Amino acid sequence: MSVTSSEPVSLGDAAYRKLRADIVSCRLVPGQRLTERSLAETTGFGISPVRDALTRLSHEGLVRTLPRKGYQVTPLTLKSVDDLFTLWRIVGPETVRLGVQDATGEQRRQIVAAFTAALPGGDPADGEDDEQPLRRVEAATAAFASLAAATDNDYLIRVHDRLQNDIARILALIMAEADTSMPDPAVDTEWIELVEQRDGDAAAARTREYISDLHTRVLRILTRWPSVVSSEITSVRG
């Protein structure tokens, strides 16, 4: 979910936002080689803003530097996916518990709005198209990001953001495959009720179940992909 801002955005910030969105949505797929020149040509930004953006993305773990070869979108492997969900199962429930308990009234309204948009039919912009599941994933991601922000804990927020970058990449990669079935995120009205009731413990328990279920389903899907016979997970169509 995007928020309109009147603040001026530097070219470096704009390039960063563009490249980050392309990586998280898997328009730039895991393992893809990148160069400053090719990205400048395709995005319309200059070399300097692209270089600044890649430096930031490298710090976030979304790209890695290849000496004398440029950059690469950080690959995904079955082990990295499994490790990612294991860490999320540890960090996620506590982040949600604190966020639900500590959210201000305004933050609570934002969280509820995001979860509402994640419900089937909850987003007025939803049409009868193939992008509905992805939009609901984006809305659920925004809700969890708002919960993390509500903790007001800088360390938790940074860890959460890093986790969500890669979770979003994994789900977008799966959803992009025509022959892969990935159910919508398991978001229902109970999430909204728990936020409104400020029931942090119940929200944490629900989060733990959600992460565990998603972990199992994602690994089940990825282990059937042909690319998994190699060390990196790539697009089925790639």
Protein backbone atom coordinates (compact mmCIF):
# COMPACT_ATOMS: atom_id res chain seq x y z
CA MET A 1 0.00 0.00 0.00
CA SER A 2 1.48 3.30 -1.01
CA VAL A 3 1.25 6.57 0.83
CA THR A 4 1.28 9.83 -1.07
CA SER A 5 3.83 12.28 0.27
CA SER A 6 4.49 15.92 -0.50
CA GLU A 7 8.13 15.54 0.54
CA PRO A 8 10.59 15.91 -2.36
CA VAL A 9 12.30 12.67 -3.31
CA SER A 10 15.94 12.63 -4.42
CA LEU A 11 16.93 10.74 -7.57
CA GLY A 12 18.80 8.24 -5.40
CA ASP A 13 15.69 7.64 -3.28
CA ALA A 14 13.51 7.32 -6.38
CA ALA A 15 15.91 4.82 -7.96
CA TYR A 16 16.05 2.87 -4.71
CA ARG A 17 12.26 2.68 -4.45
CA LYS A 18 11.93 1.60 -8.06
CA LEU A 19 14.60 -1.12 -7.86
CA ARG A 20 13.42 -2.34 -4.48
CA ALA A 21 9.85 -2.68 -5.77
CA ASP A 22 11.11 -4.56 -8.84
CA ILE A 23 13.12 -6.97 -6.67
CA VAL A 24 10.42 -7.56 -4.05
CA SER A 25 7.80 -8.17 -6.77
CA CYS A 26 10.27 -10.42 -8.65
CA ARG A 27 10.21 -8.36 -11.81
CA LEU A 28 13.95 -8.65 -11.15
CA VAL A 29 14.11 -12.35 -10.24
CA PRO A 30 16.36 -14.03 -7.66
CA GLY A 31 19.82 -14.70 -9.08
CA GLN A 32 19.46 -12.20 -11.94
CA ARG A 33 22.69 -10.41 -12.89
CA LEU A 34 22.58 -6.60 -12.83
CA THR A 35 24.87 -3.80 -13.95
CA GLU A 36 24.67 -0.11 -13.21
CA ARG A 37 24.60 0.70 -16.92
CA SER A 38 21.82 -1.74 -17.82
CA LEU A 39 19.68 -0.56 -14.90
CA ALA A 40 20.27 3.08 -15.83
CA GLU A 41 19.10 2.31 -19.37
CA THR A 42 15.98 0.41 -18.33
CA THR A 43 14.89 2.72 -15.49
CA GLY A 44 15.85 6.09 -16.96
CA PHE A 45 17.93 7.05 -13.90
CA GLY A 46 21.55 8.06 -14.14
CA ILE A 47 24.49 5.90 -13.10
CA SER A 48 25.01 7.76 -9.82
CA PRO A 49 21.42 7.35 -8.48
CA VAL A 50 21.45 3.69 -9.54
CA ARG A 51 24.77 3.13 -7.76
CA ASP A 52 23.41 4.75 -4.59
CA ALA A 53 20.29 2.58 -4.81
CA LEU A 54 22.30 -0.61 -5.26
CA THR A 55 24.45 0.25 -2.25
CA ARG A 56 21.35 0.57 -0.09
CA LEU A 57 19.85 -2.62 -1.49
CA SER A 58 23.11 -4.43 -0.77
CA HIS A 59 22.96 -3.31 2.87
CA GLU A 60 19.41 -4.69 3.03
CA GLY A 61 20.48 -8.02 1.60
CA LEU A 62 18.38 -7.75 -1.57
CA VAL A 63 21.37 -7.59 -3.91
CA ARG A 64 24.97 -8.69 -3.62
CA THR A 65 28.13 -7.41 -5.27
CA LEU A 66 29.94 -9.60 -7.77
CA PRO A 67 33.57 -8.40 -8.00
CA ARG A 68 34.33 -7.14 -11.52
CA LYS A 69 30.95 -8.43 -12.72
CA GLY A 70 28.43 -6.02 -11.28
CA TYR A 71 25.60 -7.12 -9.01
CA GLN A 72 23.15 -9.95 -8.55
CA VAL A 73 19.67 -10.10 -7.06
CA THR A 74 20.29 -12.19 -3.96
CA PRO A 75 19.45 -15.80 -4.83
CA LEU A 76 16.98 -17.96 -2.92
CA THR A 77 17.68 -21.56 -1.94
CA LEU A 78 15.53 -24.08 -0.11
CA LYS A 79 17.80 -23.65 2.92
CA SER A 80 17.53 -19.86 2.86
CA VAL A 81 13.73 -20.07 2.57
CA ASP A 82 13.55 -22.58 5.43
CA ASP A 83 15.89 -20.46 7.58
CA LEU A 84 13.86 -17.34 6.79
CA PHE A 85 10.57 -18.83 7.96
CA THR A 86 12.22 -20.29 11.06
CA LEU A 87 13.45 -16.83 12.06
CA TRP A 88 10.08 -15.24 11.22
CA ARG A 89 8.33 -17.81 13.44
CA ILE A 90 10.55 -16.63 16.32
CA VAL A 91 10.39 -12.87 15.70
CA GLY A 92 6.96 -12.43 14.10
CA PRO A 93 4.62 -13.43 16.96
CA GLU A 94 6.40 -11.22 19.52
CA THR A 95 6.44 -8.30 17.08
CA VAL A 96 2.69 -8.67 16.56
CA ARG A 97 2.02 -9.04 20.30
CA LEU A 98 3.86 -5.83 21.13
CA GLY A 99 2.41 -3.98 18.14
CA VAL A 100 -1.18 -4.88 19.03
CA GLN A 101 -0.66 -3.86 22.67
CA ASP A 102 1.29 -0.65 22.02
CA ALA A 103 -0.40 0.75 18.90
CA THR A 104 -1.83 4.24 19.17
CA GLY A 105 -5.38 4.89 18.08
CA GLU A 106 -4.22 6.14 14.67
CA GLN A 107 -1.85 3.20 14.22
CA ARG A 108 -4.66 0.80 15.12
CA ARG A 109 -6.87 2.35 12.44
CA GLN A 110 -4.09 1.91 9.88
CA ILE A 111 -3.57 -1.73 10.88
CA VAL A 112 -7.29 -2.49 10.69
CA ALA A 113 -7.54 -0.78 7.30
CA ALA A 114 -4.64 -2.88 5.97
CA PHE A 115 -6.10 -6.15 7.27
CA THR A 116 -9.49 -5.17 5.82
CA ALA A 117 -7.87 -4.68 2.41
CA ALA A 118 -6.31 -8.14 2.75
CA LEU A 119 -9.72 -9.79 3.08
CA PRO A 120 -11.25 -11.32 -0.07
CA GLY A 121 -13.28 -8.49 -1.56
CA GLY A 122 -11.94 -6.09 1.07
CA ASP A 123 -10.13 -3.83 -1.42
CA PRO A 124 -12.50 -1.74 -3.57
CA ALA A 125 -9.80 -1.73 -6.27
CA ASP A 126 -10.01 -5.51 -6.58
CA GLY A 127 -11.43 -6.69 -9.85
CA GLU A 128 -11.82 -10.12 -11.33
CA ASP A 129 -8.19 -10.47 -12.34
CA ASP A 130 -5.12 -12.50 -11.56
CA GLU A 131 -3.54 -9.76 -9.41
CA GLN A 132 -6.06 -10.05 -6.56
CA PRO A 133 -3.99 -12.53 -4.48
CA LEU A 134 -0.85 -10.42 -4.90
CA ARG A 135 -2.70 -7.26 -3.83
CA ARG A 136 -4.00 -9.04 -0.74
CA VAL A 137 -0.48 -10.23 0.08
CA GLU A 138 0.69 -6.61 -0.23
CA ALA A 139 -2.11 -5.48 2.10
CA ALA A 140 -1.24 -8.16 4.68
CA THR A 141 2.42 -7.13 4.43
CA ALA A 142 1.42 -3.52 5.08
CA ALA A 143 -0.56 -4.61 8.14
CA PHE A 144 2.41 -6.49 9.62
CA ALA A 145 4.69 -3.54 8.82
CA SER A 146 2.31 -1.23 10.71
CA LEU A 147 2.32 -3.64 13.65
CA ALA A 148 6.12 -3.62 13.67
CA ALA A 149 6.17 0.18 13.55
CA ALA A 150 3.75 0.30 16.49
CA THR A 151 6.32 -1.47 18.71
CA ASP A 152 8.54 1.63 18.43
CA ASN A 153 11.51 -0.75 18.72
CA ASP A 154 14.11 0.13 16.10
CA TYR A 155 15.79 -3.27 16.22
CA LEU A 156 12.54 -5.19 15.78
CA ILE A 157 11.49 -2.90 12.95
CA ARG A 158 14.77 -3.42 11.07
CA VAL A 159 14.65 -7.20 11.49
CA HIS A 160 11.00 -7.27 10.46
CA ASP A 161 11.65 -5.20 7.34
CA ARG A 162 14.50 -7.48 6.29
CA LEU A 163 12.33 -10.56 6.77
CA GLN A 164 9.36 -9.11 4.91
CA ASN A 165 11.50 -8.16 1.90
CA ASP A 166 12.37 -11.80 1.31
CA ILE A 167 8.95 -13.19 2.30
CA ALA A 168 7.38 -10.89 -0.29
CA ARG A 169 9.92 -12.04 -2.92
CA ILE A 170 9.12 -15.69 -2.28
CA LEU A 171 5.36 -15.22 -2.49
CA ALA A 172 5.61 -13.02 -5.59
CA LEU A 173 7.84 -15.59 -7.31
CA ILE A 174 5.36 -18.37 -6.57
CA MET A 175 2.35 -16.34 -7.66
CA ALA A 176 4.03 -15.35 -10.93
CA GLU A 177 4.05 -18.96 -12.10
CA ALA A 178 1.02 -19.88 -14.18
CA ASP A 179 1.16 -23.55 -13.13
CA THR A 180 1.60 -22.91 -9.43
CA SER A 181 -1.34 -22.61 -7.06
CA MET A 182 -0.75 -20.39 -4.05
CA PRO A 183 -3.82 -19.71 -1.87
CA ASP A 184 -4.58 -16.18 -0.74
CA PRO A 185 -3.06 -15.12 2.58
CA ALA A 186 -5.05 -16.63 5.46
CA VAL A 187 -6.41 -13.31 6.69
CA ASP A 188 -9.93 -13.13 8.10
CA THR A 189 -12.00 -10.89 10.35
CA GLU A 190 -10.51 -12.48 13.49
CA TRP A 191 -7.28 -10.54 12.88
CA ILE A 192 -9.25 -7.29 12.91
CA GLU A 193 -11.11 -8.25 16.08
CA LEU A 194 -7.86 -9.09 17.90
CA VAL A 195 -6.34 -5.73 16.92
CA GLU A 196 -9.44 -3.82 18.00
CA GLN A 197 -9.58 -5.73 21.31
CA ARG A 198 -5.83 -5.18 21.85
CA ASP A 199 -5.45 -8.89 22.55
CA GLY A 200 -1.72 -9.19 21.93
CA ASP A 201 -1.33 -12.74 23.24
CA ALA A 202 -4.07 -14.15 21.03
CA ALA A 203 -2.74 -12.20 18.05
CA ALA A 204 0.73 -13.66 18.66
CA ALA A 205 -0.68 -17.20 18.78
CA ARG A 206 -2.59 -16.60 15.57
CA THR A 207 0.54 -15.23 13.93
CA ARG A 208 2.55 -18.30 14.92
CA GLU A 209 -0.07 -20.56 13.32
CA TYR A 210 -0.16 -18.39 10.19
CA ILE A 211 3.62 -18.46 9.74
CA SER A 212 3.87 -22.21 10.38
CA ASP A 213 1.12 -22.97 7.85
CA LEU A 214 2.65 -20.69 5.23
CA HIS A 215 6.10 -22.19 5.87
CA THR A 216 4.80 -25.70 5.20
CA ARG A 217 2.90 -24.72 2.04
CA VAL A 218 5.77 -22.73 0.54
CA LEU A 219 8.30 -25.52 1.04
CA ARG A 220 5.86 -28.05 -0.41
CA ILE A 221 5.47 -25.92 -3.53
CA LEU A 222 9.16 -25.13 -4.00
CA THR A 223 10.34 -28.71 -3.61
CA ARG A 224 8.34 -29.59 -6.73
CA TRP A 225 10.09 -26.98 -8.89
CA PRO A 226 12.66 -28.24 -11.41
CA SER A 227 15.17 -25.57 -10.42
CA VAL A 228 15.43 -26.97 -6.90
CA VAL A 229 17.70 -29.75 -8.19
CA SER A 230 20.32 -27.00 -8.39
CA SER A 231 21.38 -24.83 -5.49
CA GLU A 232 19.20 -21.83 -6.37
CA ILE A 233 15.45 -21.43 -6.81
CA THR A 234 14.59 -19.80 -10.11
CA SER A 235 11.43 -19.14 -12.05
CA VAL A 236 9.79 -22.24 -13.47
CA ARG A 237 9.51 -20.37 -16.76
CA GLY A 238 13.06 -18.98 -16.58
